[in-house]
Amino acid sequence: MTGLSDFKLLDEWYKAVIAAGAVLAVPAITVQNGPALTFATGLLLFGIGEFINHPFRTTLVRDGLTTGVISGRKRSSKPFGLALDVVGLGLCIWGLARILML
């Protein structure tokens, strides 16, 4: 059964960018549109780079008798993630420029 809970898969903006890149890549491949595929590949790489740069972390917090766990995805830049960001943004810009020049 599908519902609103399915949208939790895209709970972060960079996951939505990955999904958008994948969704745009399929028709671009089908119709053999190079500029659109370049743009979609850029979105995919940028989204994956940001996913790498937002690792999931948990921290145990102790305050007297109270103990809890805090979890989240605070940004922590990694060299490989930053490289994917740069390449992805470059491909997005290059693909968009080629699309606009058609």
Protein backbone atom coordinates (compact mmCIF):
# COMPACT_ATOMS: atom_id res chain seq x y z
CA MET A 1 0.00 0.00 0.00
CA THR A 2 1.42 3.38 -0.96
CA GLY A 3 0.88 6.55 0.95
CA LEU A 4 2.57 9.59 2.35
CA SER A 5 5.12 7.44 4.15
CA ASP A 6 6.72 6.65 0.76
CA PHE A 7 7.99 10.24 0.60
CA LYS A 8 10.27 9.57 3.59
CA LEU A 9 12.68 8.04 1.08
CA LEU A 10 13.28 11.59 -0.19
CA ASP A 11 13.56 13.19 3.23
CA GLU A 12 16.69 15.15 2.29
CA TRP A 13 17.11 17.52 -0.65
CA TYR A 14 20.14 15.75 -2.07
CA LYS A 15 18.22 12.47 -2.27
CA ALA A 16 15.61 14.29 -4.37
CA VAL A 17 18.41 15.55 -6.65
CA ILE A 18 19.61 11.97 -7.16
CA ALA A 19 16.05 10.86 -7.97
CA ALA A 20 15.55 13.78 -10.39
CA GLY A 21 18.78 12.93 -12.18
CA ALA A 22 17.73 9.30 -12.56
CA VAL A 23 14.24 10.25 -13.76
CA LEU A 24 15.65 12.67 -16.34
CA ALA A 25 18.34 10.25 -17.52
CA VAL A 26 15.91 7.54 -18.66
CA PRO A 27 14.09 9.57 -21.36
CA ALA A 28 17.35 11.28 -22.34
CA ILE A 29 18.86 7.87 -23.06
CA THR A 30 15.70 6.70 -24.81
CA VAL A 31 15.59 9.61 -27.27
CA GLN A 32 19.40 9.85 -27.44
CA ASN A 33 19.52 13.47 -26.29
CA GLY A 34 23.15 14.10 -25.33
CA PRO A 35 22.75 17.51 -23.65
CA ALA A 36 19.86 16.29 -21.49
CA LEU A 37 21.85 13.19 -20.53
CA THR A 38 24.82 15.39 -19.60
CA PHE A 39 22.56 17.51 -17.37
CA ALA A 40 20.95 14.43 -15.77
CA THR A 41 24.35 12.83 -15.15
CA GLY A 42 25.48 16.06 -13.50
CA LEU A 43 22.46 15.98 -11.20
CA LEU A 44 23.19 12.37 -10.28
CA LEU A 45 26.85 13.05 -9.50
CA PHE A 46 26.08 16.20 -7.53
CA GLY A 47 23.41 14.40 -5.49
CA ILE A 48 25.73 11.48 -4.76
CA GLY A 49 28.49 13.90 -3.75
CA GLU A 50 26.17 15.63 -1.30
CA PHE A 51 25.01 12.26 0.03
CA ILE A 52 28.65 11.43 0.77
CA ASN A 53 29.12 14.84 2.40
CA HIS A 54 26.13 14.26 4.73
CA PRO A 55 27.00 11.04 6.60
CA PHE A 56 24.51 9.61 9.07
CA ARG A 57 25.80 9.90 12.63
CA THR A 58 24.53 8.99 16.05
CA THR A 59 25.77 10.35 19.36
CA LEU A 60 25.10 9.05 22.84
CA VAL A 61 24.19 11.89 25.20
CA ARG A 62 24.42 11.50 28.96
CA ASP A 63 23.11 14.15 31.30
CA GLY A 64 23.09 12.84 34.85
CA LEU A 65 20.57 10.02 34.97
CA THR A 66 19.11 10.79 31.56
CA THR A 67 20.64 9.04 28.56
CA GLY A 68 19.61 9.54 24.97
CA VAL A 69 20.72 9.17 21.39
CA ILE A 70 20.88 12.03 18.91
CA SER A 71 21.08 11.15 15.22
CA GLY A 72 21.27 13.23 12.09
CA ARG A 73 23.06 14.10 8.88
CA LYS A 74 25.20 17.14 9.60
CA ARG A 75 27.44 18.13 6.69
CA SER A 76 31.01 16.89 6.86
CA SER A 77 32.84 17.50 3.59
CA LYS A 78 34.90 14.65 2.19
CA PRO A 79 37.39 15.05 -0.70
CA PHE A 80 35.61 12.48 -2.90
CA GLY A 81 32.22 14.07 -2.17
CA LEU A 82 33.54 17.52 -3.05
CA ALA A 83 35.06 16.17 -6.27
CA LEU A 84 31.70 14.67 -7.27
CA ASP A 85 30.03 18.00 -6.45
CA VAL A 86 32.42 19.93 -8.70
CA VAL A 87 32.18 17.46 -11.59
CA GLY A 88 28.40 17.22 -11.20
CA LEU A 89 27.89 20.98 -11.18
CA GLY A 90 30.17 21.32 -14.19
CA LEU A 91 28.17 18.73 -16.12
CA CYS A 92 24.90 20.41 -15.12
CA ILE A 93 26.11 23.79 -16.35
CA TRP A 94 27.58 22.32 -19.54
CA GLY A 95 24.41 20.30 -20.28
CA LEU A 96 22.11 23.23 -19.56
CA ALA A 97 24.18 25.53 -21.79
CA ARG A 98 23.97 22.97 -24.61
CA ILE A 99 20.20 22.61 -24.09
CA LEU A 100 19.70 26.38 -24.25
CA MET A 101 21.82 26.67 -27.40
CA LEU A 102 19.66 24.17 -29.34
